[in-house]
Amino acid sequence: MRYRGEDIPHFVADPDICTFFEVALGVEWIDDIDKMKGKAKRDTPFARHLHEALEYLLRERPVTAEQWGQLTHVFFYEEDRLYAYLQDLYDYFYGDRTEPPVAPDPEAPPPEKFWT
């Protein structure tokens, strides 16, 4: 069964949050995440919901790497790598990180331990 984002705050109730996670962090747009920084910092319901969702994800780590891959088609293969990316994204949007985080290479093969 495909993961539907139920563990991400505001994902179900706010279509803009759903779109952000499925599209902006999806395989086709993730390398352009820098274009979302301005929208993420505005004083809007979307920006507040995104901030809350990212804080929750970083604090609770409710989504597995496999679920994330089902949702976005971006595969981190390990939770630590997924949450390191999300921390970098959070720091880029709301902290002092000046460069957007780098998404995993979609052409890179999964780590060897992924198959065992």
C-alpha atoms as a PDB file:
ATOM      1  CA  MET A   1       0.000   0.000   0.000  1.00  0.00           C
ATOM      2  CA  ARG A   2       1.341   3.407  -1.001  1.00  0.00           C
ATOM      3  CA  TYR A   3       2.142   5.898   1.779  1.00  0.00           C
ATOM      4  CA  ARG A   4      -0.188   8.917   1.747  1.00  0.00           C
ATOM      5  CA  GLY A   5       1.458  11.391   4.141  1.00  0.00           C
ATOM      6  CA  GLU A   6      -0.860  10.792   7.094  1.00  0.00           C
ATOM      7  CA  ASP A   7       1.999  11.294   9.575  1.00  0.00           C
ATOM      8  CA  ILE A   8       2.889  14.761   8.287  1.00  0.00           C
ATOM      9  CA  PRO A   9       1.048  17.611  10.036  1.00  0.00           C
ATOM     10  CA  HIS A  10      -1.344  19.556   7.762  1.00  0.00           C
ATOM     11  CA  PHE A  11      -0.718  17.150   4.866  1.00  0.00           C
ATOM     12  CA  VAL A  12      -4.306  15.908   4.700  1.00  0.00           C
ATOM     13  CA  ALA A  13      -6.078  19.179   5.580  1.00  0.00           C
ATOM     14  CA  ASP A  14      -3.969  21.667   3.579  1.00  0.00           C
ATOM     15  CA  PRO A  15      -3.684  20.911  -0.142  1.00  0.00           C
ATOM     16  CA  ASP A  16      -0.723  23.303  -0.442  1.00  0.00           C
ATOM     17  CA  ILE A  17       1.243  21.261   2.104  1.00  0.00           C
ATOM     18  CA  CYS A  18       0.333  18.067   0.271  1.00  0.00           C
ATOM     19  CA  THR A  19       1.561  19.630  -2.983  1.00  0.00           C
ATOM     20  CA  PHE A  20       4.769  20.838  -1.364  1.00  0.00           C
ATOM     21  CA  PHE A  21       5.739  17.388  -0.147  1.00  0.00           C
ATOM     22  CA  GLU A  22       4.540  15.441  -3.187  1.00  0.00           C
ATOM     23  CA  VAL A  23       5.662  17.898  -5.876  1.00  0.00           C
ATOM     24  CA  ALA A  24       8.239  20.413  -4.594  1.00  0.00           C
ATOM     25  CA  LEU A  25      10.123  17.641  -2.773  1.00  0.00           C
ATOM     26  CA  GLY A  26       9.292  15.134  -5.500  1.00  0.00           C
ATOM     27  CA  VAL A  27      11.790  13.700  -7.926  1.00  0.00           C
ATOM     28  CA  GLU A  28      11.146  16.224 -10.706  1.00  0.00           C
ATOM     29  CA  TRP A  29      11.312  19.450  -8.656  1.00  0.00           C
ATOM     30  CA  ILE A  30      13.517  18.727  -5.629  1.00  0.00           C
ATOM     31  CA  ASP A  31      16.598  20.221  -7.288  1.00  0.00           C
ATOM     32  CA  ASP A  32      14.705  23.530  -7.597  1.00  0.00           C
ATOM     33  CA  ILE A  33      13.755  23.712  -3.913  1.00  0.00           C
ATOM     34  CA  ASP A  34      15.494  27.085  -3.667  1.00  0.00           C
ATOM     35  CA  LYS A  35      12.504  28.588  -5.499  1.00  0.00           C
ATOM     36  CA  MET A  36      10.315  27.752  -2.483  1.00  0.00           C
ATOM     37  CA  LYS A  37      12.343  29.616   0.147  1.00  0.00           C
ATOM     38  CA  GLY A  38      10.494  32.915  -0.243  1.00  0.00           C
ATOM     39  CA  LYS A  39       7.101  31.222  -0.051  1.00  0.00           C
ATOM     40  CA  ALA A  40       8.213  29.246   3.019  1.00  0.00           C
ATOM     41  CA  LYS A  41       9.146  32.418   4.904  1.00  0.00           C
ATOM     42  CA  ARG A  42       6.033  34.508   4.211  1.00  0.00           C
ATOM     43  CA  ASP A  43       3.395  35.239   6.812  1.00  0.00           C
ATOM     44  CA  THR A  44       0.770  32.913   5.335  1.00  0.00           C
ATOM     45  CA  PRO A  45      -1.078  29.812   6.510  1.00  0.00           C
ATOM     46  CA  PHE A  46       1.010  27.730   4.078  1.00  0.00           C
ATOM     47  CA  ALA A  47       4.276  29.028   5.528  1.00  0.00           C
ATOM     48  CA  ARG A  48       3.118  28.418   9.111  1.00  0.00           C
ATOM     49  CA  HIS A  49       1.895  24.923   8.263  1.00  0.00           C
ATOM     50  CA  LEU A  50       5.124  24.073   6.456  1.00  0.00           C
ATOM     51  CA  HIS A  51       7.219  25.304   9.381  1.00  0.00           C
ATOM     52  CA  GLU A  52       5.143  23.217  11.809  1.00  0.00           C
ATOM     53  CA  ALA A  53       5.299  20.153   9.550  1.00  0.00           C
ATOM     54  CA  LEU A  54       9.074  20.304   9.169  1.00  0.00           C
ATOM     55  CA  GLU A  55       9.593  20.856  12.903  1.00  0.00           C
ATOM     56  CA  TYR A  56       7.360  17.878  13.666  1.00  0.00           C
ATOM     57  CA  LEU A  57       9.121  15.648  11.150  1.00  0.00           C
ATOM     58  CA  LEU A  58      12.515  16.517  12.619  1.00  0.00           C
ATOM     59  CA  ARG A  59      11.372  16.081  16.206  1.00  0.00           C
ATOM     60  CA  GLU A  60       9.310  12.884  15.849  1.00  0.00           C
ATOM     61  CA  ARG A  61      10.815  11.225  12.739  1.00  0.00           C
ATOM     62  CA  PRO A  62       7.493   9.491  11.954  1.00  0.00           C
ATOM     63  CA  VAL A  63       8.171   8.721   8.288  1.00  0.00           C
ATOM     64  CA  THR A  64      10.464   5.930   7.135  1.00  0.00           C
ATOM     65  CA  ALA A  65      12.804   6.286   4.171  1.00  0.00           C
ATOM     66  CA  GLU A  66      10.641   3.747   2.331  1.00  0.00           C
ATOM     67  CA  GLN A  67       7.463   5.760   2.982  1.00  0.00           C
ATOM     68  CA  TRP A  68       9.239   8.929   1.848  1.00  0.00           C
ATOM     69  CA  GLY A  69      10.212   7.222  -1.394  1.00  0.00           C
ATOM     70  CA  GLN A  70       6.611   6.148  -1.959  1.00  0.00           C
ATOM     71  CA  LEU A  71       5.412   9.712  -1.382  1.00  0.00           C
ATOM     72  CA  THR A  72       8.010  11.674  -3.346  1.00  0.00           C
ATOM     73  CA  HIS A  73       9.829   9.119  -5.526  1.00  0.00           C
ATOM     74  CA  VAL A  74      13.059  10.458  -4.012  1.00  0.00           C
ATOM     75  CA  PHE A  75      14.900   7.606  -2.335  1.00  0.00           C
ATOM     76  CA  PHE A  76      17.196   8.189   0.630  1.00  0.00           C
ATOM     77  CA  TYR A  77      17.227   4.476   1.599  1.00  0.00           C
ATOM     78  CA  GLU A  78      18.126   5.291   5.229  1.00  0.00           C
ATOM     79  CA  GLU A  79      16.218   7.361   7.761  1.00  0.00           C
ATOM     80  CA  ASP A  80      19.358   9.156   8.934  1.00  0.00           C
ATOM     81  CA  ARG A  81      19.989  10.430   5.397  1.00  0.00           C
ATOM     82  CA  LEU A  82      16.366  11.471   4.966  1.00  0.00           C
ATOM     83  CA  TYR A  83      16.285  13.396   8.209  1.00  0.00           C
ATOM     84  CA  ALA A  84      19.706  14.963   7.563  1.00  0.00           C
ATOM     85  CA  TYR A  85      18.272  16.288   4.288  1.00  0.00           C
ATOM     86  CA  LEU A  86      15.155  17.591   6.056  1.00  0.00           C
ATOM     87  CA  GLN A  87      17.339  19.266   8.709  1.00  0.00           C
ATOM     88  CA  ASP A  88      19.376  20.932   5.964  1.00  0.00           C
ATOM     89  CA  LEU A  89      16.143  22.033   4.275  1.00  0.00           C
ATOM     90  CA  TYR A  90      14.839  23.446   7.547  1.00  0.00           C
ATOM     91  CA  ASP A  91      18.112  25.283   8.135  1.00  0.00           C
ATOM     92  CA  TYR A  92      17.998  26.665   4.585  1.00  0.00           C
ATOM     93  CA  PHE A  93      14.420  27.921   4.950  1.00  0.00           C
ATOM     94  CA  TYR A  94      14.549  29.121   8.559  1.00  0.00           C
ATOM     95  CA  GLY A  95      18.150  29.110   9.727  1.00  0.00           C
ATOM     96  CA  ASP A  96      21.511  30.350   8.554  1.00  0.00           C
ATOM     97  CA  ARG A  97      22.199  27.803   5.804  1.00  0.00           C
ATOM     98  CA  THR A  98      22.910  29.768   2.619  1.00  0.00           C
ATOM     99  CA  GLU A  99      22.744  26.977   0.044  1.00  0.00           C
ATOM    100  CA  PRO A 100      19.818  24.614  -0.545  1.00  0.00           C
ATOM    101  CA  PRO A 101      20.389  20.998   0.428  1.00  0.00           C
ATOM    102  CA  VAL A 102      21.470  18.518  -2.204  1.00  0.00           C
ATOM    103  CA  ALA A 103      19.017  15.753  -2.969  1.00  0.00           C
ATOM    104  CA  PRO A 104      20.211  12.199  -3.491  1.00  0.00           C
ATOM    105  CA  ASP A 105      21.371  11.340  -6.989  1.00  0.00           C
ATOM    106  CA  PRO A 106      18.479   9.513  -8.662  1.00  0.00           C
ATOM    107  CA  GLU A 107      20.964   7.577 -10.808  1.00  0.00           C
ATOM    108  CA  ALA A 108      22.973   6.289  -7.842  1.00  0.00           C
ATOM    109  CA  PRO A 109      22.355   2.653  -6.986  1.00  0.00           C
ATOM    110  CA  PRO A 110      20.964   1.795  -3.550  1.00  0.00           C
ATOM    111  CA  PRO A 111      23.551   1.007  -0.885  1.00  0.00           C
ATOM    112  CA  GLU A 112      24.598  -2.636  -0.821  1.00  0.00           C
ATOM    113  CA  LYS A 113      23.022  -3.238   2.593  1.00  0.00           C
ATOM    114  CA  PHE A 114      19.661  -2.126   1.126  1.00  0.00           C
ATOM    115  CA  TRP A 115      19.435  -5.458  -0.724  1.00  0.00           C
ATOM    116  CA  THR A 116      20.299  -7.667   2.264  1.00  0.00           C
END
